[in-house]
Amino acid sequence: MAAAAVETLSEVGVYRHQAGMIRQVLRMNVDGITQEECLIQPEPGGSCLNWGVGHLLWVYDTMLPMLGQTPVMEEGALKRYARGTPPLEDPAEALELRDLLTAWDPAAERVDAGLAGLTAEVLDRPAPHSPGNNPNETVRSLLTTVFFHQGYHTGQAGLLRRIAGKAGAIA
């Protein structure tokens, strides 16, 4: 196998490992959380757990086409959870946590399937968008940002779990 192919497999393996950890840790952090608990607002500010889970799902659904996969949710279903939306304070605007979590696993599975098919050529392509408005954004650099982002918000879910009065999920 050529060195570039081995390096790409290794890089893709890292992405897949990160995605798997994010999937597992988010599930641990939301285990036993009710709809009421996921809407508790952190003080003095920030977003509730419901917004965080919906936002993580929105990111995955947004990037699935780049990975050759179909989004899990219907177009527009997650617009309340898009980047830059204000904290979710009105419970009527929130999707049910159970519905977000029902969509989470197939979204994570599709991310993994899409990652498994990546090649060096695909990783080097221009990204379809750039959260930082980087004109040189590639699929590779965007994926690196996405997995940092997903890990960041998954960690916040652990703190929001404690704010809801639950014991930490990770010792």
Foldseek 3Di string as FASTA:
>chain_A
DDPQFVVLVVLLVVLLVLLVVLLVLLCLLCPPPAQVLQQDADPPHDAGNLLLLLLLLVLLQVCLVLLVHHRQDDPPPSPCNYPPHGHDNDSVPGDGPVVSNVRSVVSSVSVSVSSVPDHPVQQCDADPDDPVRDPRHGNVNVSVVSSVVSVVSSVVSQVSSVVSVDDGSPD
